[in-house]
C-alpha atoms as a PDB file:
ATOM      1  CA  MET A   1      21.000  12.371  13.251  1.00  0.00           C
ATOM      2  CA  ILE A   2      21.048  13.882  16.503  1.00  0.00           C
ATOM      3  CA  VAL A   3      24.518  14.708  15.973  1.00  0.00           C
ATOM      4  CA  GLN A   4      24.016  15.939  12.770  1.00  0.00           C
ATOM      5  CA  MET A   5      21.558  18.504  13.996  1.00  0.00           C
ATOM      6  CA  VAL A   6      23.634  19.398  16.303  1.00  0.00           C
ATOM      7  CA  ILE A   7      26.059  20.381  13.136  1.00  0.00           C
ATOM      8  CA  ASP A   8      23.748  21.826  11.215  1.00  0.00           C
ATOM      9  CA  ARG A   9      21.094  23.657  13.958  1.00  0.00           C
ATOM     10  CA  LYS A  10      22.129  27.342  12.406  1.00  0.00           C
ATOM     11  CA  ASN A  11      21.559  26.256   8.904  1.00  0.00           C
ATOM     12  CA  LEU A  12      17.395  26.031   9.012  1.00  0.00           C
ATOM     13  CA  SER A  13      16.803  23.871   5.314  1.00  0.00           C
ATOM     14  CA  LYS A  14      19.337  20.966   6.517  1.00  0.00           C
ATOM     15  CA  LEU A  15      17.810  21.267   9.935  1.00  0.00           C
ATOM     16  CA  THR A  16      14.717  20.744   9.037  1.00  0.00           C
ATOM     17  CA  GLU A  17      15.283  18.107   6.938  1.00  0.00           C
ATOM     18  CA  THR A  18      17.366  15.684   9.306  1.00  0.00           C
ATOM     19  CA  LEU A  19      14.604  16.214  11.529  1.00  0.00           C
ATOM     20  CA  LEU A  20      12.331  15.281   9.273  1.00  0.00           C
ATOM     21  CA  PHE A  21      13.650  11.427   8.523  1.00  0.00           C
ATOM     22  CA  PHE A  22      14.821  11.608  12.697  1.00  0.00           C
ATOM     23  CA  MET A  23      11.294  11.909  13.521  1.00  0.00           C
ATOM     24  CA  THR A  24       9.764   9.183  11.151  1.00  0.00           C
ATOM     25  CA  HIS A  25      12.406   6.463  12.686  1.00  0.00           C
ATOM     26  CA  PHE A  26      12.108   7.200  16.076  1.00  0.00           C
ATOM     27  CA  THR A  27       8.692   6.183  15.468  1.00  0.00           C
ATOM     28  CA  PHE A  28       8.931   3.893  14.201  1.00  0.00           C
ATOM     29  CA  LEU A  29      11.446   2.556  16.862  1.00  0.00           C
ATOM     30  CA  CYS A  30       8.587   3.596  19.221  1.00  0.00           C
ATOM     31  CA  LYS A  31       5.470   1.949  17.722  1.00  0.00           C
ATOM     32  CA  LEU A  32       7.538  -0.830  17.367  1.00  0.00           C
ATOM     33  CA  THR A  33       8.856  -1.404  21.229  1.00  0.00           C
ATOM     34  CA  ASN A  34       5.177  -0.602  21.984  1.00  0.00           C
ATOM     35  CA  PHE A  35       4.138  -3.908  19.720  1.00  0.00           C
ATOM     36  CA  VAL A  36       6.689  -5.953  21.125  1.00  0.00           C
ATOM     37  CA  TYR A  37       5.730  -4.802  24.549  1.00  0.00           C
ATOM     38  CA  TYR A  38       2.108  -6.200  23.507  1.00  0.00           C
ATOM     39  CA  LYS A  39       2.714  -9.052  22.127  1.00  0.00           C
ATOM     40  CA  LYS A  40       1.119 -11.520  24.669  1.00  0.00           C
ATOM     41  CA  LYS A  41      -2.119  -9.614  24.217  1.00  0.00           C
ATOM     42  CA  MET A  42      -2.158 -10.437  20.124  1.00  0.00           C
ATOM     43  CA  PHE A  43      -2.067 -13.730  21.386  1.00  0.00           C
ATOM     44  CA  ASP A  44      -5.266 -12.783  23.170  1.00  0.00           C
ATOM     45  CA  ILE A  45      -6.583 -11.435  20.051  1.00  0.00           C
ATOM     46  CA  GLU A  46      -6.158 -14.805  18.676  1.00  0.00           C
ATOM     47  CA  ASP A  47      -7.916 -16.325  21.261  1.00  0.00           C
ATOM     48  CA  THR A  48     -10.830 -14.071  21.045  1.00  0.00           C
ATOM     49  CA  LEU A  49     -11.197 -14.489  17.638  1.00  0.00           C
ATOM     50  CA  ALA A  50     -10.944 -17.920  18.236  1.00  0.00           C
ATOM     51  CA  GLY A  51     -13.830 -18.452  20.979  1.00  0.00           C
ATOM     52  CA  ASN A  52     -17.677 -19.869  20.175  1.00  0.00           C
ATOM     53  CA  ILE A  53     -19.119 -16.403  20.037  1.00  0.00           C
ATOM     54  CA  PHE A  54     -17.545 -15.773  17.140  1.00  0.00           C
ATOM     55  CA  TYR A  55     -17.689 -18.569  15.198  1.00  0.00           C
ATOM     56  CA  GLY A  56     -21.433 -20.222  13.608  1.00  0.00           C
ATOM     57  CA  HIS A  57     -22.027 -17.639  10.830  1.00  0.00           C
ATOM     58  CA  PRO A  58     -23.679 -18.245   7.906  1.00  0.00           C
ATOM     59  CA  LEU A  59     -21.960 -18.042   5.024  1.00  0.00           C
ATOM     60  CA  GLU A  60     -24.207 -14.441   3.774  1.00  0.00           C
ATOM     61  CA  ARG A  61     -22.969 -13.351   6.971  1.00  0.00           C
ATOM     62  CA  LEU A  62     -19.103 -13.905   6.792  1.00  0.00           C
ATOM     63  CA  MET A  63     -19.391 -12.315   3.392  1.00  0.00           C
ATOM     64  CA  LEU A  64     -19.712  -8.878   5.261  1.00  0.00           C
ATOM     65  CA  VAL A  65     -16.446  -8.827   6.523  1.00  0.00           C
ATOM     66  CA  LYS A  66     -14.353 -10.603   3.361  1.00  0.00           C
ATOM     67  CA  THR A  67     -15.971  -7.666   1.731  1.00  0.00           C
ATOM     68  CA  ARG A  68     -14.941  -5.278   4.409  1.00  0.00           C
ATOM     69  CA  VAL A  69     -11.130  -6.957   4.663  1.00  0.00           C
ATOM     70  CA  SER A  70     -10.930  -6.364   1.137  1.00  0.00           C
ATOM     71  CA  SER A  71     -11.673  -2.514   0.916  1.00  0.00           C
ATOM     72  CA  CYS A  72      -8.877  -2.652   4.185  1.00  0.00           C
ATOM     73  CA  GLN A  73      -6.812  -4.860   1.168  1.00  0.00           C
ATOM     74  CA  LEU A  74      -7.054  -2.367  -1.712  1.00  0.00           C
ATOM     75  CA  VAL A  75      -6.020   0.797   0.466  1.00  0.00           C
ATOM     76  CA  ALA A  76      -3.010  -1.293   2.091  1.00  0.00           C
ATOM     77  CA  LYS A  77      -2.235  -1.649  -1.102  1.00  0.00           C
ATOM     78  CA  ILE A  78      -2.806   2.019  -1.750  1.00  0.00           C
ATOM     79  CA  PHE A  79      -0.012   2.854   0.830  1.00  0.00           C
ATOM     80  CA  ARG A  80       2.379   0.225   0.521  1.00  0.00           C
ATOM     81  CA  ILE A  81       2.932   1.643  -2.957  1.00  0.00           C
ATOM     82  CA  LEU A  82       3.311   4.767  -1.745  1.00  0.00           C
ATOM     83  CA  CYS A  83       5.580   3.490   0.595  1.00  0.00           C
ATOM     84  CA  VAL A  84       7.571   1.662  -2.101  1.00  0.00           C
ATOM     85  CA  LEU A  85       7.849   5.039  -3.967  1.00  0.00           C
ATOM     86  CA  VAL A  86       9.064   6.478  -1.021  1.00  0.00           C
ATOM     87  CA  VAL A  87      11.635   3.685  -0.618  1.00  0.00           C
ATOM     88  CA  PHE A  88      12.939   3.911  -4.671  1.00  0.00           C
ATOM     89  CA  PHE A  89      13.110   7.635  -4.525  1.00  0.00           C
ATOM     90  CA  TYR A  90      15.547   7.292  -1.478  1.00  0.00           C
ATOM     91  CA  THR A  91      17.491   4.820  -3.683  1.00  0.00           C
ATOM     92  CA  LEU A  92      18.207   7.204  -6.555  1.00  0.00           C
ATOM     93  CA  VAL A  93      19.597   9.739  -4.645  1.00  0.00           C
ATOM     94  CA  PRO A  94      23.702   8.611  -5.555  1.00  0.00           C
ATOM     95  CA  TYR A  95      22.958   8.322  -8.305  1.00  0.00           C
ATOM     96  CA  VAL A  96      20.995  11.839 -10.002  1.00  0.00           C
ATOM     97  CA  ASP A  97      22.665  13.881  -7.198  1.00  0.00           C
ATOM     98  CA  HIS A  98      26.003  15.278  -9.062  1.00  0.00           C
ATOM     99  CA  LYS A  99      27.231  17.629  -6.252  1.00  0.00           C
ATOM    100  CA  GLU A 100      30.942  17.043  -6.205  1.00  0.00           C
ATOM    101  CA  GLU A 101      30.752  15.911  -2.678  1.00  0.00           C
ATOM    102  CA  LYS A 102      28.854  12.350  -2.708  1.00  0.00           C
ATOM    103  CA  THR A 103      25.637  12.678  -0.388  1.00  0.00           C
ATOM    104  CA  LEU A 104      24.536  10.200   1.126  1.00  0.00           C
ATOM    105  CA  PRO A 105      20.398   8.623   1.383  1.00  0.00           C
ATOM    106  CA  LEU A 106      20.320   9.622   4.812  1.00  0.00           C
ATOM    107  CA  PRO A 107      21.378  13.071   6.302  1.00  0.00           C
ATOM    108  CA  GLY A 108      23.658  12.112   9.384  1.00  0.00           C
ATOM    109  CA  TRP A 109      27.047  12.117  10.792  1.00  0.00           C
ATOM    110  CA  LEU A 110      29.261   9.511  10.607  1.00  0.00           C
ATOM    111  CA  PRO A 111      32.368   8.817  12.299  1.00  0.00           C
ATOM    112  CA  TYR A 112      34.152   7.739   9.850  1.00  0.00           C
ATOM    113  CA  ASP A 113      35.832   8.633   6.259  1.00  0.00           C
ATOM    114  CA  ILE A 114      32.122   8.563   3.658  1.00  0.00           C
ATOM    115  CA  LYS A 115      34.679   8.813   0.983  1.00  0.00           C
ATOM    116  CA  LYS A 116      36.142   6.008   1.401  1.00  0.00           C
ATOM    117  CA  TYR A 117      33.082   3.481   2.040  1.00  0.00           C
ATOM    118  CA  TYR A 118      31.008   5.528   0.318  1.00  0.00           C
ATOM    119  CA  TYR A 119      29.092   2.681  -1.513  1.00  0.00           C
ATOM    120  CA  PRO A 120      28.964   0.239   1.339  1.00  0.00           C
ATOM    121  CA  THR A 121      27.165   3.715   3.177  1.00  0.00           C
ATOM    122  CA  VAL A 122      24.574   3.534   1.314  1.00  0.00           C
ATOM    123  CA  VAL A 123      23.664  -0.315   0.366  1.00  0.00           C
ATOM    124  CA  PHE A 124      23.630  -0.303   4.108  1.00  0.00           C
ATOM    125  CA  GLN A 125      20.952   3.036   4.533  1.00  0.00           C
ATOM    126  CA  ILE A 126      19.399   1.852   1.969  1.00  0.00           C
ATOM    127  CA  MET A 127      18.316  -1.774   3.275  1.00  0.00           C
ATOM    128  CA  SER A 128      17.431  -0.132   7.007  1.00  0.00           C
ATOM    129  CA  VAL A 129      15.353   1.915   5.208  1.00  0.00           C
ATOM    130  CA  VAL A 130      13.243  -0.807   3.166  1.00  0.00           C
ATOM    131  CA  VAL A 131      13.694  -3.481   6.735  1.00  0.00           C
ATOM    132  CA  SER A 132      12.025   0.139   8.487  1.00  0.00           C
ATOM    133  CA  ALA A 133       9.820   1.231   5.648  1.00  0.00           C
ATOM    134  CA  TYR A 134       8.102  -3.125   5.433  1.00  0.00           C
ATOM    135  CA  ASN A 135       7.653  -2.991   9.218  1.00  0.00           C
ATOM    136  CA  ASN A 136       6.029   0.626  10.124  1.00  0.00           C
ATOM    137  CA  SER A 137       3.397  -0.047   7.073  1.00  0.00           C
ATOM    138  CA  SER A 138       2.674  -3.328   8.432  1.00  0.00           C
ATOM    139  CA  ILE A 139       1.869  -2.243  12.133  1.00  0.00           C
ATOM    140  CA  ASP A 140      -0.128   0.280  10.441  1.00  0.00           C
ATOM    141  CA  ILE A 141      -1.916  -2.553   8.284  1.00  0.00           C
ATOM    142  CA  LEU A 142      -2.356  -4.468  11.347  1.00  0.00           C
ATOM    143  CA  THR A 143      -3.968  -1.678  13.365  1.00  0.00           C
ATOM    144  CA  CYS A 144      -6.001  -1.203  10.461  1.00  0.00           C
ATOM    145  CA  MET A 145      -7.080  -4.672   9.435  1.00  0.00           C
ATOM    146  CA  LEU A 146      -8.152  -5.705  12.885  1.00  0.00           C
ATOM    147  CA  ILE A 147      -9.609  -2.132  13.388  1.00  0.00           C
ATOM    148  CA  THR A 148     -11.444  -3.684  10.100  1.00  0.00           C
ATOM    149  CA  VAL A 149     -12.620  -6.748  11.769  1.00  0.00           C
ATOM    150  CA  VAL A 150     -14.120  -5.001  14.674  1.00  0.00           C
ATOM    151  CA  SER A 151     -16.489  -2.695  12.279  1.00  0.00           C
ATOM    152  CA  ALA A 152     -17.354  -6.461  10.613  1.00  0.00           C
ATOM    153  CA  GLU A 153     -18.100  -7.672  14.205  1.00  0.00           C
ATOM    154  CA  PHE A 154     -21.421  -5.219  14.303  1.00  0.00           C
ATOM    155  CA  ASP A 155     -22.107  -5.207  10.663  1.00  0.00           C
ATOM    156  CA  ILE A 156     -22.667  -9.502  11.239  1.00  0.00           C
ATOM    157  CA  LEU A 157     -24.642  -8.345  14.905  1.00  0.00           C
ATOM    158  CA  LYS A 158     -26.283  -5.490  13.449  1.00  0.00           C
ATOM    159  CA  GLU A 159     -27.724  -8.103  10.426  1.00  0.00           C
ATOM    160  CA  ASN A 160     -28.971 -10.910  13.284  1.00  0.00           C
ATOM    161  CA  LEU A 161     -30.983  -8.419  14.992  1.00  0.00           C
ATOM    162  CA  LYS A 162     -32.619  -7.563  12.198  1.00  0.00           C
ATOM    163  CA  THR A 163     -33.446 -10.599  10.658  1.00  0.00           C
ATOM    164  CA  THR A 164     -34.136 -12.634  13.951  1.00  0.00           C
ATOM    165  CA  ASP A 165     -37.667 -12.946  14.321  1.00  0.00           C
ATOM    166  CA  TYR A 166     -39.980 -11.871  17.309  1.00  0.00           C
ATOM    167  CA  LYS A 167     -42.713 -13.212  16.929  1.00  0.00           C
ATOM    168  CA  THR A 168     -43.767 -15.966  20.182  1.00  0.00           C
ATOM    169  CA  TYR A 169     -45.754 -18.749  19.109  1.00  0.00           C
ATOM    170  CA  ASN A 170     -45.375 -21.187  21.816  1.00  0.00           C
ATOM    171  CA  GLU A 171     -42.992 -21.800  24.560  1.00  0.00           C
ATOM    172  CA  SER A 172     -41.106 -23.422  22.615  1.00  0.00           C
ATOM    173  CA  ALA A 173     -39.972 -20.707  20.476  1.00  0.00           C
ATOM    174  CA  LYS A 174     -40.406 -18.439  22.987  1.00  0.00           C
ATOM    175  CA  LYS A 175     -37.463 -20.064  24.700  1.00  0.00           C
ATOM    176  CA  GLN A 176     -35.521 -20.073  21.124  1.00  0.00           C
ATOM    177  CA  ILE A 177     -35.802 -16.558  21.168  1.00  0.00           C
ATOM    178  CA  GLN A 178     -34.668 -15.537  24.440  1.00  0.00           C
ATOM    179  CA  GLU A 179     -31.402 -17.646  23.278  1.00  0.00           C
ATOM    180  CA  LYS A 180     -31.274 -15.743  20.391  1.00  0.00           C
ATOM    181  CA  PHE A 181     -31.561 -12.631  21.899  1.00  0.00           C
ATOM    182  CA  GLN A 182     -29.040 -13.506  24.904  1.00  0.00           C
ATOM    183  CA  HIS A 183     -26.189 -14.533  21.892  1.00  0.00           C
ATOM    184  CA  CYS A 184     -26.547 -11.173  20.375  1.00  0.00           C
ATOM    185  CA  VAL A 185     -26.255  -9.629  24.131  1.00  0.00           C
ATOM    186  CA  GLU A 186     -22.770 -11.602  24.459  1.00  0.00           C
ATOM    187  CA  TYR A 187     -21.896 -11.299  21.095  1.00  0.00           C
ATOM    188  CA  HIS A 188     -21.828  -7.060  21.615  1.00  0.00           C
ATOM    189  CA  LYS A 189     -20.227  -7.879  24.756  1.00  0.00           C
ATOM    190  CA  ALA A 190     -17.752  -9.552  23.217  1.00  0.00           C
ATOM    191  CA  ILE A 191     -17.031  -6.995  19.790  1.00  0.00           C
ATOM    192  CA  VAL A 192     -17.239  -4.099  22.157  1.00  0.00           C
ATOM    193  CA  ALA A 193     -14.590  -5.742  24.703  1.00  0.00           C
ATOM    194  CA  PHE A 194     -12.452  -6.444  21.494  1.00  0.00           C
ATOM    195  CA  ALA A 195     -12.746  -3.378  19.958  1.00  0.00           C
ATOM    196  CA  TYR A 196     -10.800  -1.861  23.380  1.00  0.00           C
ATOM    197  CA  THR A 197      -8.019  -4.573  23.276  1.00  0.00           C
ATOM    198  CA  VAL A 198      -6.812  -3.381  19.931  1.00  0.00           C
ATOM    199  CA  GLU A 199      -6.944   0.145  21.363  1.00  0.00           C
ATOM    200  CA  ASP A 200      -4.666  -0.707  24.028  1.00  0.00           C
ATOM    201  CA  ILE A 201      -2.475  -2.588  22.269  1.00  0.00           C
ATOM    202  CA  PHE A 202      -1.809   0.328  19.757  1.00  0.00           C
ATOM    203  CA  SER A 203      -2.928   2.935  21.144  1.00  0.00           C
ATOM    204  CA  LYS A 204      -0.406   4.602  22.575  1.00  0.00           C
ATOM    205  CA  GLY A 205       1.927   4.030  18.852  1.00  0.00           C
ATOM    206  CA  ILE A 206      -1.207   5.695  17.133  1.00  0.00           C
ATOM    207  CA  PHE A 207      -0.747   8.794  19.427  1.00  0.00           C
ATOM    208  CA  LEU A 208       2.906   9.229  18.778  1.00  0.00           C
ATOM    209  CA  GLN A 209       2.230   8.676  14.977  1.00  0.00           C
ATOM    210  CA  PHE A 210       0.199  11.308  15.321  1.00  0.00           C
ATOM    211  CA  PHE A 211       2.472  13.504  17.244  1.00  0.00           C
ATOM    212  CA  ALA A 212       5.839  12.987  14.630  1.00  0.00           C
ATOM    213  CA  SER A 213       3.097  12.895  11.280  1.00  0.00           C
ATOM    214  CA  ILE A 214       2.288  16.939  12.346  1.00  0.00           C
ATOM    215  CA  ILE A 215       5.933  18.047  12.576  1.00  0.00           C
ATOM    216  CA  VAL A 216       6.846  15.970   9.660  1.00  0.00           C
ATOM    217  CA  ILE A 217       3.800  17.088   7.929  1.00  0.00           C
ATOM    218  CA  CYS A 218       5.053  20.975   8.792  1.00  0.00           C
ATOM    219  CA  PHE A 219       8.686  20.269   8.127  1.00  0.00           C
ATOM    220  CA  THR A 220       7.761  18.152   4.257  1.00  0.00           C
ATOM    221  CA  GLY A 221       5.879  21.337   3.448  1.00  0.00           C
ATOM    222  CA  PHE A 222       8.521  23.367   4.355  1.00  0.00           C
ATOM    223  CA  GLN A 223      10.874  22.324   2.265  1.00  0.00           C
ATOM    224  CA  MET A 224       8.581  21.707  -0.523  1.00  0.00           C
ATOM    225  CA  ILE A 225       8.758  25.737  -0.436  1.00  0.00           C
ATOM    226  CA  VAL A 226      12.890  25.551  -0.363  1.00  0.00           C
ATOM    227  CA  VAL A 227      13.837  23.028  -2.964  1.00  0.00           C
ATOM    228  CA  PRO A 228      13.360  23.771  -6.677  1.00  0.00           C
ATOM    229  CA  VAL A 229       9.925  22.407  -7.935  1.00  0.00           C
ATOM    230  CA  PRO A 230      11.083  20.941 -11.218  1.00  0.00           C
ATOM    231  CA  SER A 231      13.445  18.496  -8.899  1.00  0.00           C
ATOM    232  CA  LEU A 232      13.657  14.733  -7.874  1.00  0.00           C
ATOM    233  CA  GLN A 233      13.934  16.390  -4.764  1.00  0.00           C
ATOM    234  CA  PHE A 234      10.616  17.906  -5.006  1.00  0.00           C
ATOM    235  CA  ILE A 235       8.836  14.612  -6.243  1.00  0.00           C
ATOM    236  CA  PHE A 236      10.238  12.819  -3.075  1.00  0.00           C
ATOM    237  CA  LEU A 237       8.910  15.282  -1.218  1.00  0.00           C
ATOM    238  CA  VAL A 238       5.537  15.441  -2.603  1.00  0.00           C
ATOM    239  CA  ILE A 239       4.958  11.440  -2.569  1.00  0.00           C
ATOM    240  CA  TYR A 240       6.506  11.369   1.002  1.00  0.00           C
ATOM    241  CA  PHE A 241       3.922  14.068   2.293  1.00  0.00           C
ATOM    242  CA  SER A 242       0.951  11.973   0.743  1.00  0.00           C
ATOM    243  CA  CYS A 243       2.509   8.839   2.140  1.00  0.00           C
ATOM    244  CA  MET A 244       2.589  10.621   5.730  1.00  0.00           C
ATOM    245  CA  MET A 245      -1.400  11.678   5.047  1.00  0.00           C
ATOM    246  CA  CYS A 246      -2.092   8.136   3.398  1.00  0.00           C
ATOM    247  CA  GLN A 247      -1.065   6.285   6.995  1.00  0.00           C
ATOM    248  CA  ILE A 248      -3.188   9.614   9.011  1.00  0.00           C
ATOM    249  CA  ALA A 249      -5.961   8.438   7.111  1.00  0.00           C
ATOM    250  CA  MET A 250      -6.019   5.522   7.320  1.00  0.00           C
ATOM    251  CA  TYR A 251      -6.379   5.152  11.241  1.00  0.00           C
ATOM    252  CA  CYS A 252      -8.828   8.246  11.484  1.00  0.00           C
ATOM    253  CA  TRP A 253     -11.273   6.466   8.410  1.00  0.00           C
ATOM    254  CA  TYR A 254     -11.393   3.642   9.919  1.00  0.00           C
ATOM    255  CA  GLY A 255     -11.662   5.170  13.158  1.00  0.00           C
ATOM    256  CA  HIS A 256     -14.426   6.948  12.446  1.00  0.00           C
ATOM    257  CA  ASP A 257     -16.443   3.447  10.762  1.00  0.00           C
ATOM    258  CA  ILE A 258     -16.189   2.128  13.367  1.00  0.00           C
ATOM    259  CA  ILE A 259     -18.620   5.171  15.679  1.00  0.00           C
ATOM    260  CA  THR A 260     -20.837   4.442  12.504  1.00  0.00           C
ATOM    261  CA  ASN A 261     -20.912   0.980  12.773  1.00  0.00           C
ATOM    262  CA  SER A 262     -21.758   0.698  16.822  1.00  0.00           C
ATOM    263  CA  ASN A 263     -24.417   3.965  16.760  1.00  0.00           C
ATOM    264  CA  SER A 264     -26.338   2.654  14.326  1.00  0.00           C
ATOM    265  CA  VAL A 265     -27.263  -1.572  15.685  1.00  0.00           C
ATOM    266  CA  GLY A 266     -29.919   0.460  17.843  1.00  0.00           C
ATOM    267  CA  GLN A 267     -31.361   1.459  14.407  1.00  0.00           C
ATOM    268  CA  TYR A 268     -30.885  -1.536  12.774  1.00  0.00           C
ATOM    269  CA  PHE A 269     -32.896  -3.363  16.025  1.00  0.00           C
ATOM    270  CA  TYR A 270     -35.972  -1.271  15.706  1.00  0.00           C
ATOM    271  CA  MET A 271     -35.790  -2.358  11.547  1.00  0.00           C
ATOM    272  CA  SER A 272     -37.055  -6.503  12.982  1.00  0.00           C
ATOM    273  CA  ASN A 273     -40.789  -7.097  14.803  1.00  0.00           C
ATOM    274  CA  TRP A 274     -39.585  -6.490  18.643  1.00  0.00           C
ATOM    275  CA  TYR A 275     -42.714  -4.967  19.486  1.00  0.00           C
ATOM    276  CA  GLU A 276     -43.992  -8.531  18.942  1.00  0.00           C
ATOM    277  CA  ALA A 277     -41.483  -9.760  21.843  1.00  0.00           C
ATOM    278  CA  ASP A 278     -42.641 -10.962  24.746  1.00  0.00           C
ATOM    279  CA  PHE A 279     -43.294  -8.424  27.349  1.00  0.00           C
ATOM    280  CA  LYS A 280     -39.761  -9.501  30.220  1.00  0.00           C
ATOM    281  CA  LEU A 281     -38.249 -10.117  26.830  1.00  0.00           C
ATOM    282  CA  ARG A 282     -38.980  -6.343  26.088  1.00  0.00           C
ATOM    283  CA  LYS A 283     -37.482  -4.951  28.797  1.00  0.00           C
ATOM    284  CA  ASN A 284     -34.165  -6.333  28.621  1.00  0.00           C
ATOM    285  CA  MET A 285     -34.282  -5.465  24.761  1.00  0.00           C
ATOM    286  CA  GLN A 286     -34.597  -1.779  26.551  1.00  0.00           C
ATOM    287  CA  ILE A 287     -31.191  -2.011  28.526  1.00  0.00           C
ATOM    288  CA  PHE A 288     -29.126  -3.790  25.787  1.00  0.00           C
ATOM    289  CA  LEU A 289     -30.771  -0.434  23.907  1.00  0.00           C
ATOM    290  CA  GLU A 290     -29.332   2.050  26.470  1.00  0.00           C
ATOM    291  CA  ARG A 291     -25.908   0.338  26.383  1.00  0.00           C
ATOM    292  CA  THR A 292     -25.870   0.471  22.676  1.00  0.00           C
ATOM    293  CA  LYS A 293     -26.140   4.160  22.093  1.00  0.00           C
ATOM    294  CA  LYS A 294     -23.175   4.054  23.605  1.00  0.00           C
ATOM    295  CA  PRO A 295     -20.139   4.180  20.088  1.00  0.00           C
ATOM    296  CA  VAL A 296     -17.266   2.348  20.514  1.00  0.00           C
ATOM    297  CA  VAL A 297     -14.393   6.004  20.259  1.00  0.00           C
ATOM    298  CA  LEU A 298     -11.405   4.946  19.986  1.00  0.00           C
ATOM    299  CA  THR A 299      -8.436   6.684  20.963  1.00  0.00           C
ATOM    300  CA  ALA A 300      -4.692   7.541  20.496  1.00  0.00           C
ATOM    301  CA  GLY A 301      -3.372   7.486  24.296  1.00  0.00           C
ATOM    302  CA  LYS A 302      -6.601   7.837  25.290  1.00  0.00           C
ATOM    303  CA  PHE A 303      -6.654  11.412  23.971  1.00  0.00           C
ATOM    304  CA  VAL A 304      -7.074  11.715  20.493  1.00  0.00           C
ATOM    305  CA  THR A 305      -9.715  10.754  18.887  1.00  0.00           C
ATOM    306  CA  LEU A 306      -9.648   8.327  15.667  1.00  0.00           C
ATOM    307  CA  SER A 307     -12.190  10.151  12.877  1.00  0.00           C
ATOM    308  CA  LEU A 308     -12.615  12.106  10.149  1.00  0.00           C
ATOM    309  CA  THR A 309     -13.150  15.207  12.625  1.00  0.00           C
ATOM    310  CA  THR A 310      -9.474  14.601  13.788  1.00  0.00           C
ATOM    311  CA  PHE A 311      -8.046  13.932  10.400  1.00  0.00           C
ATOM    312  CA  THR A 312      -9.685  17.366   9.323  1.00  0.00           C
ATOM    313  CA  ALA A 313      -7.900  18.945  12.352  1.00  0.00           C
ATOM    314  CA  VAL A 314      -4.670  17.122  11.890  1.00  0.00           C
ATOM    315  CA  SER A 315      -4.596  18.812   8.316  1.00  0.00           C
ATOM    316  CA  THR A 316      -5.231  22.110   9.023  1.00  0.00           C
ATOM    317  CA  PHE A 317      -3.464  22.495  12.392  1.00  0.00           C
ATOM    318  CA  SER A 318      -0.233  21.252   9.696  1.00  0.00           C
END
């Protein structure tokens, strides 16, 4: 595609079309490289979730996780459908394009006679698009799923803080209350550490995705102006535009969800009878509440905050 961009450098329409696909595939390769580089940390995440601190919750608490994961799966299915539609319109290009010169699904320069090996090249390009689209969307969905798990763990923590009875009846009850509160403190620390581990793994890839998406959305909008409205290419560009916006929206939505969820931990604590706790325990509560005032903020490359405000800014800038 780089050679093709050099050839079409004076043709703005063809240049933007080639650059559009180039940025998409280049970003995917960067995200895949980043994922492979941090594969050992993925095993650390698995070990973290298998730790004792994340186990032992009653069924009603686990339903909070199930509800959030189910919601994320629904969004993931919508995103998958958009990806499938994009790939489907890729495959239609050779069959609906009635130009005298046969065109390929992907723009680019090839060092052989395209007319002679047209259909094998079409099959190869379609298969490469299918594989890259599936893997690219899988990385995005995996990231959003892990962020959703973090948010669900905060839900469990909030319910634990809210339903704990802090009234001290005797020394035995006092000890049990201290152990329960200490478990909540350790649980909070584990969730925060888990969240930032997820950020360390996917932060760079998300930043590249944000950067590329701004460029791709701009070029897609330009292509939508250039191509005729009642055409297959226009429909493809609309679906492709929707797919890119959905990709960015998922990161921002679930990132914002963690911010609001982690920021409300203290509010749920105040819904309990904390005022009936032992004086010494209440001093520890003050320290814990000061920590909960700092929300968990996930970033893209340590520069861009994953929030709805960022999504609005990206949409406006694009």
